[in-house]
Amino acid sequence: MSVPAIPDKDGSEPARPRRSYDSPVRRRQAAETRERILAAASELVHGFATWDWRGLTFKAVAERAGVGERTVYRYFPTERDLHGAVMRRLEEEAGVSYAGLDLDGLPDVAARAFAALSSFAVSRWTGEYPRQPALVAEDERRRDALVRAVAPSAPDWSETERRMAAAALDVLWHLPSYERLITAWNLDDDQATRTISWVIGVLVDAIRDDRRPDPGSEQG
Protein backbone atom coordinates (compact mmCIF):
# COMPACT_ATOMS: atom_id res chain seq x y z
CA MET A 1 0.00 0.00 0.00
CA SER A 2 1.48 3.31 -1.04
CA VAL A 3 1.74 6.35 1.20
CA PRO A 4 -0.69 9.06 0.07
CA ALA A 5 0.81 12.19 -1.36
CA ILE A 6 0.32 15.52 0.43
CA PRO A 7 -0.46 18.37 -2.01
CA ASP A 8 1.78 21.38 -1.68
CA LYS A 9 0.14 24.72 -0.96
CA ASP A 10 1.77 26.33 -3.98
CA GLY A 11 0.21 23.82 -6.35
CA SER A 12 3.49 22.17 -7.26
CA GLU A 13 3.87 18.43 -7.46
CA PRO A 14 2.87 16.93 -4.12
CA ALA A 15 5.60 15.47 -1.97
CA ARG A 16 5.28 12.26 -0.10
CA PRO A 17 5.96 12.38 3.65
CA ARG A 18 9.24 10.94 4.76
CA ARG A 19 9.01 7.62 6.47
CA SER A 20 10.73 7.44 9.82
CA TYR A 21 12.61 4.21 10.17
CA ASP A 22 15.10 2.58 12.42
CA SER A 23 17.91 0.22 11.56
CA PRO A 24 20.93 -1.43 13.19
CA VAL A 25 23.17 0.88 11.18
CA ARG A 26 21.44 4.01 12.44
CA ARG A 27 21.48 2.75 16.01
CA ARG A 28 25.17 2.01 15.75
CA GLN A 29 25.89 5.43 14.27
CA ALA A 30 23.86 7.12 17.00
CA ALA A 31 25.72 5.18 19.70
CA GLU A 32 29.06 6.08 18.13
CA THR A 33 28.15 9.76 18.00
CA ARG A 34 27.01 9.77 21.61
CA GLU A 35 30.23 8.03 22.64
CA ARG A 36 32.25 10.57 20.67
CA ILE A 37 30.52 13.43 22.50
CA LEU A 38 31.02 11.87 25.93
CA ALA A 39 34.67 11.09 25.22
CA ALA A 40 35.25 14.70 24.17
CA ALA A 41 33.49 16.02 27.28
CA SER A 42 35.53 13.70 29.51
CA GLU A 43 38.73 14.95 27.92
CA LEU A 44 37.70 18.54 28.64
CA VAL A 45 37.00 17.79 32.30
CA HIS A 46 40.33 16.01 32.69
CA GLY A 47 42.04 19.13 31.36
CA PHE A 48 40.34 21.67 33.65
CA ALA A 49 42.67 23.41 36.09
CA THR A 50 39.99 23.45 38.80
CA TRP A 51 37.05 21.22 39.68
CA ASP A 52 34.65 23.70 38.13
CA TRP A 53 32.54 22.70 35.16
CA ARG A 54 31.45 26.11 33.92
CA GLY A 55 33.67 25.51 30.91
CA LEU A 56 31.86 22.29 30.02
CA THR A 57 29.48 23.97 27.58
CA PHE A 58 27.70 22.66 24.50
CA LYS A 59 29.96 24.78 22.33
CA ALA A 60 33.18 23.53 23.94
CA VAL A 61 32.10 19.89 23.77
CA ALA A 62 30.92 20.22 20.17
CA GLU A 63 34.25 21.74 19.11
CA ARG A 64 36.24 19.02 20.86
CA ALA A 65 34.05 16.26 19.40
CA GLY A 66 34.04 17.75 15.91
CA VAL A 67 30.25 17.94 15.70
CA GLY A 68 27.70 20.73 15.62
CA GLU A 69 26.14 22.11 18.78
CA ARG A 70 22.75 20.89 17.60
CA THR A 71 24.10 17.36 17.55
CA VAL A 72 25.10 17.65 21.19
CA TYR A 73 21.63 19.00 22.03
CA ARG A 74 20.07 16.05 20.24
CA TYR A 75 21.67 13.61 22.67
CA PHE A 76 21.69 15.83 25.76
CA PRO A 77 18.76 18.29 25.80
CA THR A 78 20.09 20.34 28.72
CA GLU A 79 23.48 21.18 30.15
CA ARG A 80 22.56 19.30 33.29
CA ASP A 81 21.84 16.17 31.21
CA LEU A 82 25.26 16.53 29.61
CA HIS A 83 27.06 17.09 32.90
CA GLY A 84 25.25 14.18 34.54
CA ALA A 85 26.23 11.83 31.73
CA VAL A 86 29.84 13.00 31.95
CA MET A 87 29.87 12.39 35.70
CA ARG A 88 28.65 8.85 35.18
CA ARG A 89 31.36 8.39 32.55
CA LEU A 90 34.04 9.55 34.98
CA GLU A 91 32.73 7.14 37.61
CA GLU A 92 32.94 4.30 35.07
CA GLU A 93 36.50 5.29 34.18
CA ALA A 94 37.49 5.26 37.86
CA GLY A 95 35.59 2.06 38.62
CA VAL A 96 33.52 3.87 41.25
CA SER A 97 29.87 3.06 41.84
CA TYR A 98 27.49 4.03 44.62
CA ALA A 99 25.02 1.31 43.70
CA GLY A 100 24.96 -1.28 46.46
CA LEU A 101 27.74 0.48 48.37
CA ASP A 102 28.34 -1.23 51.73
CA LEU A 103 30.76 -0.75 54.59
CA ASP A 104 32.97 -3.68 53.54
CA GLY A 105 33.53 -2.22 50.08
CA LEU A 106 33.92 1.40 51.12
CA PRO A 107 37.72 1.48 51.58
CA ASP A 108 38.25 -0.05 48.13
CA VAL A 109 35.82 2.36 46.44
CA ALA A 110 37.50 5.33 48.12
CA ALA A 111 40.93 4.03 47.04
CA ARG A 112 39.79 3.79 43.41
CA ALA A 113 38.43 7.34 43.58
CA PHE A 114 41.74 8.66 44.91
CA ALA A 115 43.73 6.68 42.34
CA ALA A 116 41.79 8.38 39.52
CA LEU A 117 42.82 11.87 40.65
CA SER A 118 46.16 11.69 38.88
CA SER A 119 44.35 11.66 35.53
CA PHE A 120 43.01 15.19 36.12
CA ALA A 121 44.87 18.47 35.68
CA VAL A 122 43.31 19.95 38.84
CA SER A 123 46.11 21.39 40.95
CA ARG A 124 44.10 21.85 44.16
CA TRP A 125 40.90 20.17 45.34
CA THR A 126 40.34 22.53 48.25
CA GLY A 127 38.52 25.82 48.08
CA GLU A 128 34.92 26.76 47.40
CA TYR A 129 32.91 23.80 46.18
CA PRO A 130 31.45 24.36 42.68
CA ARG A 131 27.69 24.74 42.57
CA GLN A 132 26.96 23.27 39.14
CA PRO A 133 23.79 21.13 39.51
CA ALA A 134 25.48 17.91 38.36
CA LEU A 135 28.27 18.28 40.92
CA VAL A 136 25.81 19.11 43.69
CA ALA A 137 23.70 16.09 42.72
CA GLU A 138 26.80 13.89 42.74
CA ASP A 139 27.66 14.99 46.26
CA GLU A 140 24.09 14.24 47.40
CA ARG A 141 24.23 10.79 45.78
CA ARG A 142 27.42 9.97 47.64
CA ARG A 143 26.08 11.14 50.99
CA ASP A 144 22.85 9.20 50.51
CA ALA A 145 24.86 6.10 49.60
CA LEU A 146 26.89 6.42 52.79
CA VAL A 147 23.76 6.68 54.94
CA ARG A 148 22.38 3.56 53.25
CA ALA A 149 25.69 1.75 53.80
CA VAL A 150 25.65 2.50 57.53
CA ALA A 151 22.01 1.58 58.16
CA PRO A 152 22.23 -2.26 57.99
CA SER A 153 25.05 -2.36 60.55
CA ALA A 154 23.36 0.11 62.89
CA PRO A 155 19.68 -0.93 62.92
CA ASP A 156 19.12 0.27 66.49
CA TRP A 157 20.80 3.63 66.05
CA SER A 158 18.79 6.79 65.71
CA GLU A 159 18.66 8.54 62.35
CA THR A 160 20.91 11.26 63.75
CA GLU A 161 23.49 8.72 64.92
CA ARG A 162 23.55 7.03 61.53
CA ARG A 163 23.93 10.38 59.79
CA MET A 164 26.78 11.31 62.13
CA ALA A 165 28.59 8.09 61.24
CA ALA A 166 27.96 8.61 57.53
CA ALA A 167 29.19 12.20 57.82
CA ALA A 168 32.44 11.02 59.43
CA LEU A 169 32.96 8.54 56.59
CA ASP A 170 32.25 11.32 54.08
CA VAL A 171 34.90 13.56 55.64
CA LEU A 172 37.45 10.76 55.37
CA TRP A 173 36.51 10.11 51.75
CA HIS A 174 36.55 13.83 50.93
CA LEU A 175 39.19 14.99 48.45
CA PRO A 176 40.48 17.87 50.60
CA SER A 177 41.24 15.34 53.35
CA TYR A 178 43.31 13.31 50.91
CA GLU A 179 45.01 16.44 49.61
CA ARG A 180 45.94 17.60 53.10
CA LEU A 181 47.71 14.33 53.83
CA ILE A 182 49.83 14.93 50.75
CA THR A 183 50.49 18.67 51.04
CA ALA A 184 50.67 19.17 54.81
CA TRP A 185 52.02 15.78 55.87
CA ASN A 186 54.14 15.04 52.78
CA LEU A 187 52.68 11.58 52.30
CA ASP A 188 52.81 10.12 48.83
CA ASP A 189 49.65 9.05 47.00
CA ASP A 190 49.82 5.46 48.20
CA GLN A 191 50.51 6.45 51.80
CA ALA A 192 47.63 8.93 51.83
CA THR A 193 45.26 6.34 50.37
CA ARG A 194 46.32 3.67 52.87
CA THR A 195 45.97 6.14 55.75
CA ILE A 196 42.41 7.02 54.83
CA SER A 197 41.49 3.40 54.13
CA TRP A 198 42.85 2.46 57.56
CA VAL A 199 40.83 5.11 59.39
CA ILE A 200 37.70 4.21 57.41
CA GLY A 201 38.25 0.61 58.52
CA VAL A 202 38.55 1.70 62.17
CA LEU A 203 35.27 3.62 61.91
CA VAL A 204 33.56 0.72 60.15
CA ASP A 205 34.62 -1.58 63.00
CA ALA A 206 33.21 0.90 65.52
CA ILE A 207 29.88 0.94 63.70
CA ARG A 208 29.73 -2.85 63.60
CA ASP A 209 30.64 -3.03 67.31
CA ASP A 210 27.75 -0.70 68.15
CA ARG A 211 30.07 2.05 69.40
CA ARG A 212 27.82 4.98 68.72
CA PRO A 213 28.75 8.66 68.45
CA ASP A 214 28.60 10.46 71.78
CA PRO A 215 25.04 11.84 71.91
CA GLY A 216 26.24 14.82 73.95
CA SER A 217 23.36 17.16 74.78
CA GLU A 218 21.13 15.90 71.98
CA GLN A 219 17.50 15.77 73.05
CA GLY A 220 14.89 13.22 71.90
C-alpha atoms as a PDB file:
ATOM      1  CA  MET A   1       0.000   0.000   0.000  1.00  0.00           C
ATOM      2  CA  SER A   2       1.478   3.307  -1.040  1.00  0.00           C
ATOM      3  CA  VAL A   3       1.745   6.349   1.196  1.00  0.00           C
ATOM      4  CA  PRO A   4      -0.688   9.060   0.068  1.00  0.00           C
ATOM      5  CA  ALA A   5       0.812  12.189  -1.361  1.00  0.00           C
ATOM      6  CA  ILE A   6       0.323  15.516   0.432  1.00  0.00           C
ATOM      7  CA  PRO A   7      -0.459  18.365  -2.010  1.00  0.00           C
ATOM      8  CA  ASP A   8       1.783  21.376  -1.677  1.00  0.00           C
ATOM      9  CA  LYS A   9       0.137  24.716  -0.964  1.00  0.00           C
ATOM     10  CA  ASP A  10       1.766  26.335  -3.984  1.00  0.00           C
ATOM     11  CA  GLY A  11       0.208  23.818  -6.351  1.00  0.00           C
ATOM     12  CA  SER A  12       3.492  22.166  -7.255  1.00  0.00           C
ATOM     13  CA  GLU A  13       3.873  18.430  -7.459  1.00  0.00           C
ATOM     14  CA  PRO A  14       2.865  16.934  -4.124  1.00  0.00           C
ATOM     15  CA  ALA A  15       5.596  15.469  -1.971  1.00  0.00           C
ATOM     16  CA  ARG A  16       5.277  12.258  -0.098  1.00  0.00           C
ATOM     17  CA  PRO A  17       5.961  12.384   3.649  1.00  0.00           C
ATOM     18  CA  ARG A  18       9.242  10.941   4.762  1.00  0.00           C
ATOM     19  CA  ARG A  19       9.011   7.621   6.470  1.00  0.00           C
ATOM     20  CA  SER A  20      10.732   7.439   9.819  1.00  0.00           C
ATOM     21  CA  TYR A  21      12.610   4.213  10.166  1.00  0.00           C
ATOM     22  CA  ASP A  22      15.100   2.576  12.423  1.00  0.00           C
ATOM     23  CA  SER A  23      17.905   0.220  11.562  1.00  0.00           C
ATOM     24  CA  PRO A  24      20.927  -1.432  13.192  1.00  0.00           C
ATOM     25  CA  VAL A  25      23.168   0.880  11.178  1.00  0.00           C
ATOM     26  CA  ARG A  26      21.436   4.007  12.444  1.00  0.00           C
ATOM     27  CA  ARG A  27      21.477   2.752  16.008  1.00  0.00           C
ATOM     28  CA  ARG A  28      25.172   2.008  15.748  1.00  0.00           C
ATOM     29  CA  GLN A  29      25.892   5.434  14.274  1.00  0.00           C
ATOM     30  CA  ALA A  30      23.865   7.119  17.004  1.00  0.00           C
ATOM     31  CA  ALA A  31      25.719   5.179  19.697  1.00  0.00           C
ATOM     32  CA  GLU A  32      29.063   6.077  18.128  1.00  0.00           C
ATOM     33  CA  THR A  33      28.147   9.763  18.003  1.00  0.00           C
ATOM     34  CA  ARG A  34      27.010   9.766  21.612  1.00  0.00           C
ATOM     35  CA  GLU A  35      30.226   8.025  22.641  1.00  0.00           C
ATOM     36  CA  ARG A  36      32.252  10.571  20.668  1.00  0.00           C
ATOM     37  CA  ILE A  37      30.525  13.433  22.503  1.00  0.00           C
ATOM     38  CA  LEU A  38      31.018  11.867  25.927  1.00  0.00           C
ATOM     39  CA  ALA A  39      34.669  11.091  25.218  1.00  0.00           C
ATOM     40  CA  ALA A  40      35.253  14.699  24.175  1.00  0.00           C
ATOM     41  CA  ALA A  41      33.489  16.018  27.284  1.00  0.00           C
ATOM     42  CA  SER A  42      35.526  13.700  29.509  1.00  0.00           C
ATOM     43  CA  GLU A  43      38.733  14.948  27.916  1.00  0.00           C
ATOM     44  CA  LEU A  44      37.700  18.535  28.636  1.00  0.00           C
ATOM     45  CA  VAL A  45      36.999  17.793  32.304  1.00  0.00           C
ATOM     46  CA  HIS A  46      40.328  16.012  32.690  1.00  0.00           C
ATOM     47  CA  GLY A  47      42.037  19.129  31.361  1.00  0.00           C
ATOM     48  CA  PHE A  48      40.335  21.671  33.647  1.00  0.00           C
ATOM     49  CA  ALA A  49      42.675  23.406  36.089  1.00  0.00           C
ATOM     50  CA  THR A  50      39.991  23.450  38.798  1.00  0.00           C
ATOM     51  CA  TRP A  51      37.048  21.215  39.678  1.00  0.00           C
ATOM     52  CA  ASP A  52      34.646  23.698  38.130  1.00  0.00           C
ATOM     53  CA  TRP A  53      32.537  22.700  35.164  1.00  0.00           C
ATOM     54  CA  ARG A  54      31.453  26.108  33.921  1.00  0.00           C
ATOM     55  CA  GLY A  55      33.672  25.511  30.914  1.00  0.00           C
ATOM     56  CA  LEU A  56      31.859  22.291  30.018  1.00  0.00           C
ATOM     57  CA  THR A  57      29.485  23.971  27.581  1.00  0.00           C
ATOM     58  CA  PHE A  58      27.700  22.661  24.504  1.00  0.00           C
ATOM     59  CA  LYS A  59      29.965  24.780  22.330  1.00  0.00           C
ATOM     60  CA  ALA A  60      33.184  23.533  23.942  1.00  0.00           C
ATOM     61  CA  VAL A  61      32.100  19.888  23.768  1.00  0.00           C
ATOM     62  CA  ALA A  62      30.921  20.216  20.166  1.00  0.00           C
ATOM     63  CA  GLU A  63      34.246  21.740  19.115  1.00  0.00           C
ATOM     64  CA  ARG A  64      36.241  19.018  20.858  1.00  0.00           C
ATOM     65  CA  ALA A  65      34.049  16.255  19.401  1.00  0.00           C
ATOM     66  CA  GLY A  66      34.043  17.755  15.906  1.00  0.00           C
ATOM     67  CA  VAL A  67      30.249  17.939  15.696  1.00  0.00           C
ATOM     68  CA  GLY A  68      27.697  20.727  15.618  1.00  0.00           C
ATOM     69  CA  GLU A  69      26.142  22.114  18.784  1.00  0.00           C
ATOM     70  CA  ARG A  70      22.747  20.887  17.600  1.00  0.00           C
ATOM     71  CA  THR A  71      24.101  17.356  17.548  1.00  0.00           C
ATOM     72  CA  VAL A  72      25.105  17.649  21.190  1.00  0.00           C
ATOM     73  CA  TYR A  73      21.632  19.000  22.031  1.00  0.00           C
ATOM     74  CA  ARG A  74      20.069  16.054  20.239  1.00  0.00           C
ATOM     75  CA  TYR A  75      21.669  13.612  22.671  1.00  0.00           C
ATOM     76  CA  PHE A  76      21.686  15.833  25.758  1.00  0.00           C
ATOM     77  CA  PRO A  77      18.758  18.285  25.802  1.00  0.00           C
ATOM     78  CA  THR A  78      20.095  20.340  28.723  1.00  0.00           C
ATOM     79  CA  GLU A  79      23.483  21.184  30.145  1.00  0.00           C
ATOM     80  CA  ARG A  80      22.563  19.295  33.293  1.00  0.00           C
ATOM     81  CA  ASP A  81      21.844  16.174  31.213  1.00  0.00           C
ATOM     82  CA  LEU A  82      25.265  16.526  29.609  1.00  0.00           C
ATOM     83  CA  HIS A  83      27.058  17.085  32.902  1.00  0.00           C
ATOM     84  CA  GLY A  84      25.249  14.183  34.539  1.00  0.00           C
ATOM     85  CA  ALA A  85      26.229  11.834  31.726  1.00  0.00           C
ATOM     86  CA  VAL A  86      29.840  12.999  31.946  1.00  0.00           C
ATOM     87  CA  MET A  87      29.865  12.395  35.703  1.00  0.00           C
ATOM     88  CA  ARG A  88      28.650   8.846  35.176  1.00  0.00           C
ATOM     89  CA  ARG A  89      31.358   8.394  32.551  1.00  0.00           C
ATOM     90  CA  LEU A  90      34.042   9.554  34.984  1.00  0.00           C
ATOM     91  CA  GLU A  91      32.735   7.135  37.605  1.00  0.00           C
ATOM     92  CA  GLU A  92      32.941   4.304  35.073  1.00  0.00           C
ATOM     93  CA  GLU A  93      36.497   5.288  34.176  1.00  0.00           C
ATOM     94  CA  ALA A  94      37.487   5.265  37.859  1.00  0.00           C
ATOM     95  CA  GLY A  95      35.594   2.055  38.624  1.00  0.00           C
ATOM     96  CA  VAL A  96      33.523   3.871  41.245  1.00  0.00           C
ATOM     97  CA  SER A  97      29.874   3.059  41.835  1.00  0.00           C
ATOM     98  CA  TYR A  98      27.491   4.032  44.621  1.00  0.00           C
ATOM     99  CA  ALA A  99      25.020   1.308  43.704  1.00  0.00           C
ATOM    100  CA  GLY A 100      24.956  -1.279  46.458  1.00  0.00           C
ATOM    101  CA  LEU A 101      27.741   0.475  48.373  1.00  0.00           C
ATOM    102  CA  ASP A 102      28.336  -1.228  51.725  1.00  0.00           C
ATOM    103  CA  LEU A 103      30.761  -0.752  54.585  1.00  0.00           C
ATOM    104  CA  ASP A 104      32.971  -3.676  53.539  1.00  0.00           C
ATOM    105  CA  GLY A 105      33.533  -2.221  50.081  1.00  0.00           C
ATOM    106  CA  LEU A 106      33.916   1.405  51.118  1.00  0.00           C
ATOM    107  CA  PRO A 107      37.724   1.478  51.576  1.00  0.00           C
ATOM    108  CA  ASP A 108      38.249  -0.050  48.131  1.00  0.00           C
ATOM    109  CA  VAL A 109      35.822   2.356  46.435  1.00  0.00           C
ATOM    110  CA  ALA A 110      37.500   5.326  48.121  1.00  0.00           C
ATOM    111  CA  ALA A 111      40.927   4.027  47.042  1.00  0.00           C
ATOM    112  CA  ARG A 112      39.786   3.788  43.411  1.00  0.00           C
ATOM    113  CA  ALA A 113      38.432   7.339  43.578  1.00  0.00           C
ATOM    114  CA  PHE A 114      41.745   8.660  44.905  1.00  0.00           C
ATOM    115  CA  ALA A 115      43.733   6.684  42.336  1.00  0.00           C
ATOM    116  CA  ALA A 116      41.793   8.378  39.525  1.00  0.00           C
ATOM    117  CA  LEU A 117      42.816  11.873  40.653  1.00  0.00           C
ATOM    118  CA  SER A 118      46.160  11.687  38.877  1.00  0.00           C
ATOM    119  CA  SER A 119      44.349  11.661  35.526  1.00  0.00           C
ATOM    120  CA  PHE A 120      43.012  15.190  36.119  1.00  0.00           C
ATOM    121  CA  ALA A 121      44.873  18.466  35.679  1.00  0.00           C
ATOM    122  CA  VAL A 122      43.311  19.949  38.839  1.00  0.00           C
ATOM    123  CA  SER A 123      46.107  21.389  40.952  1.00  0.00           C
ATOM    124  CA  ARG A 124      44.102  21.845  44.162  1.00  0.00           C
ATOM    125  CA  TRP A 125      40.903  20.173  45.339  1.00  0.00           C
ATOM    126  CA  THR A 126      40.343  22.525  48.251  1.00  0.00           C
ATOM    127  CA  GLY A 127      38.520  25.821  48.077  1.00  0.00           C
ATOM    128  CA  GLU A 128      34.922  26.755  47.404  1.00  0.00           C
ATOM    129  CA  TYR A 129      32.906  23.800  46.178  1.00  0.00           C
ATOM    130  CA  PRO A 130      31.452  24.362  42.684  1.00  0.00           C
ATOM    131  CA  ARG A 131      27.690  24.743  42.574  1.00  0.00           C
ATOM    132  CA  GLN A 132      26.958  23.269  39.135  1.00  0.00           C
ATOM    133  CA  PRO A 133      23.790  21.133  39.514  1.00  0.00           C
ATOM    134  CA  ALA A 134      25.478  17.915  38.364  1.00  0.00           C
ATOM    135  CA  LEU A 135      28.270  18.285  40.925  1.00  0.00           C
ATOM    136  CA  VAL A 136      25.805  19.114  43.692  1.00  0.00           C
ATOM    137  CA  ALA A 137      23.695  16.092  42.721  1.00  0.00           C
ATOM    138  CA  GLU A 138      26.805  13.886  42.738  1.00  0.00           C
ATOM    139  CA  ASP A 139      27.662  14.986  46.262  1.00  0.00           C
ATOM    140  CA  GLU A 140      24.094  14.240  47.397  1.00  0.00           C
ATOM    141  CA  ARG A 141      24.231  10.793  45.785  1.00  0.00           C
ATOM    142  CA  ARG A 142      27.423   9.969  47.639  1.00  0.00           C
ATOM    143  CA  ARG A 143      26.078  11.142  50.992  1.00  0.00           C
ATOM    144  CA  ASP A 144      22.848   9.203  50.514  1.00  0.00           C
ATOM    145  CA  ALA A 145      24.865   6.096  49.597  1.00  0.00           C
ATOM    146  CA  LEU A 146      26.890   6.418  52.793  1.00  0.00           C
ATOM    147  CA  VAL A 147      23.757   6.684  54.940  1.00  0.00           C
ATOM    148  CA  ARG A 148      22.385   3.556  53.253  1.00  0.00           C
ATOM    149  CA  ALA A 149      25.688   1.754  53.801  1.00  0.00           C
ATOM    150  CA  VAL A 150      25.655   2.505  57.527  1.00  0.00           C
ATOM    151  CA  ALA A 151      22.010   1.582  58.163  1.00  0.00           C
ATOM    152  CA  PRO A 152      22.229  -2.262  57.990  1.00  0.00           C
ATOM    153  CA  SER A 153      25.053  -2.356  60.549  1.00  0.00           C
ATOM    154  CA  ALA A 154      23.360   0.109  62.893  1.00  0.00           C
ATOM    155  CA  PRO A 155      19.685  -0.926  62.919  1.00  0.00           C
ATOM    156  CA  ASP A 156      19.117   0.269  66.494  1.00  0.00           C
ATOM    157  CA  TRP A 157      20.803   3.626  66.047  1.00  0.00           C
ATOM    158  CA  SER A 158      18.787   6.791  65.706  1.00  0.00           C
ATOM    159  CA  GLU A 159      18.655   8.538  62.348  1.00  0.00           C
ATOM    160  CA  THR A 160      20.907  11.257  63.752  1.00  0.00           C
ATOM    161  CA  GLU A 161      23.492   8.724  64.924  1.00  0.00           C
ATOM    162  CA  ARG A 162      23.545   7.033  61.526  1.00  0.00           C
ATOM    163  CA  ARG A 163      23.927  10.383  59.795  1.00  0.00           C
ATOM    164  CA  MET A 164      26.780  11.309  62.133  1.00  0.00           C
ATOM    165  CA  ALA A 165      28.591   8.087  61.244  1.00  0.00           C
ATOM    166  CA  ALA A 166      27.960   8.611  57.528  1.00  0.00           C
ATOM    167  CA  ALA A 167      29.193  12.198  57.818  1.00  0.00           C
ATOM    168  CA  ALA A 168      32.439  11.018  59.427  1.00  0.00           C
ATOM    169  CA  LEU A 169      32.956   8.543  56.585  1.00  0.00           C
ATOM    170  CA  ASP A 170      32.245  11.319  54.082  1.00  0.00           C
ATOM    171  CA  VAL A 171      34.905  13.560  55.639  1.00  0.00           C
ATOM    172  CA  LEU A 172      37.455  10.761  55.372  1.00  0.00           C
ATOM    173  CA  TRP A 173      36.512  10.110  51.748  1.00  0.00           C
ATOM    174  CA  HIS A 174      36.554  13.830  50.931  1.00  0.00           C
ATOM    175  CA  LEU A 175      39.191  14.988  48.452  1.00  0.00           C
ATOM    176  CA  PRO A 176      40.477  17.873  50.596  1.00  0.00           C
ATOM    177  CA  SER A 177      41.243  15.341  53.351  1.00  0.00           C
ATOM    178  CA  TYR A 178      43.309  13.310  50.911  1.00  0.00           C
ATOM    179  CA  GLU A 179      45.013  16.443  49.607  1.00  0.00           C
ATOM    180  CA  ARG A 180      45.944  17.605  53.103  1.00  0.00           C
ATOM    181  CA  LEU A 181      47.709  14.327  53.826  1.00  0.00           C
ATOM    182  CA  ILE A 182      49.831  14.935  50.746  1.00  0.00           C
ATOM    183  CA  THR A 183      50.488  18.674  51.041  1.00  0.00           C
ATOM    184  CA  ALA A 184      50.670  19.168  54.813  1.00  0.00           C
ATOM    185  CA  TRP A 185      52.021  15.777  55.865  1.00  0.00           C
ATOM    186  CA  ASN A 186      54.137  15.042  52.782  1.00  0.00           C
ATOM    187  CA  LEU A 187      52.680  11.576  52.304  1.00  0.00           C
ATOM    188  CA  ASP A 188      52.814  10.119  48.827  1.00  0.00           C
ATOM    189  CA  ASP A 189      49.649   9.054  46.998  1.00  0.00           C
ATOM    190  CA  ASP A 190      49.820   5.461  48.200  1.00  0.00           C
ATOM    191  CA  GLN A 191      50.512   6.451  51.805  1.00  0.00           C
ATOM    192  CA  ALA A 192      47.633   8.929  51.826  1.00  0.00           C
ATOM    193  CA  THR A 193      45.264   6.342  50.371  1.00  0.00           C
ATOM    194  CA  ARG A 194      46.325   3.675  52.869  1.00  0.00           C
ATOM    195  CA  THR A 195      45.967   6.140  55.751  1.00  0.00           C
ATOM    196  CA  ILE A 196      42.414   7.024  54.829  1.00  0.00           C
ATOM    197  CA  SER A 197      41.493   3.398  54.125  1.00  0.00           C
ATOM    198  CA  TRP A 198      42.853   2.457  57.563  1.00  0.00           C
ATOM    199  CA  VAL A 199      40.829   5.108  59.393  1.00  0.00           C
ATOM    200  CA  ILE A 200      37.704   4.208  57.413  1.00  0.00           C
ATOM    201  CA  GLY A 201      38.249   0.612  58.521  1.00  0.00           C
ATOM    202  CA  VAL A 202      38.546   1.701  62.168  1.00  0.00           C
ATOM    203  CA  LEU A 203      35.272   3.618  61.905  1.00  0.00           C
ATOM    204  CA  VAL A 204      33.564   0.718  60.152  1.00  0.00           C
ATOM    205  CA  ASP A 205      34.617  -1.583  63.000  1.00  0.00           C
ATOM    206  CA  ALA A 206      33.206   0.903  65.524  1.00  0.00           C
ATOM    207  CA  ILE A 207      29.878   0.942  63.696  1.00  0.00           C
ATOM    208  CA  ARG A 208      29.727  -2.853  63.604  1.00  0.00           C
ATOM    209  CA  ASP A 209      30.642  -3.033  67.310  1.00  0.00           C
ATOM    210  CA  ASP A 210      27.749  -0.702  68.150  1.00  0.00           C
ATOM    211  CA  ARG A 211      30.069   2.045  69.399  1.00  0.00           C
ATOM    212  CA  ARG A 212      27.823   4.983  68.720  1.00  0.00           C
ATOM    213  CA  PRO A 213      28.750   8.657  68.447  1.00  0.00           C
ATOM    214  CA  ASP A 214      28.596  10.460  71.778  1.00  0.00           C
ATOM    215  CA  PRO A 215      25.039  11.839  71.914  1.00  0.00           C
ATOM    216  CA  GLY A 216      26.240  14.820  73.954  1.00  0.00           C
ATOM    217  CA  SER A 217      23.364  17.155  74.784  1.00  0.00           C
ATOM    218  CA  GLU A 218      21.127  15.904  71.976  1.00  0.00           C
ATOM    219  CA  GLN A 219      17.503  15.769  73.051  1.00  0.00           C
ATOM    220  CA  GLY A 220      14.889  13.223  71.896  1.00  0.00           C
END
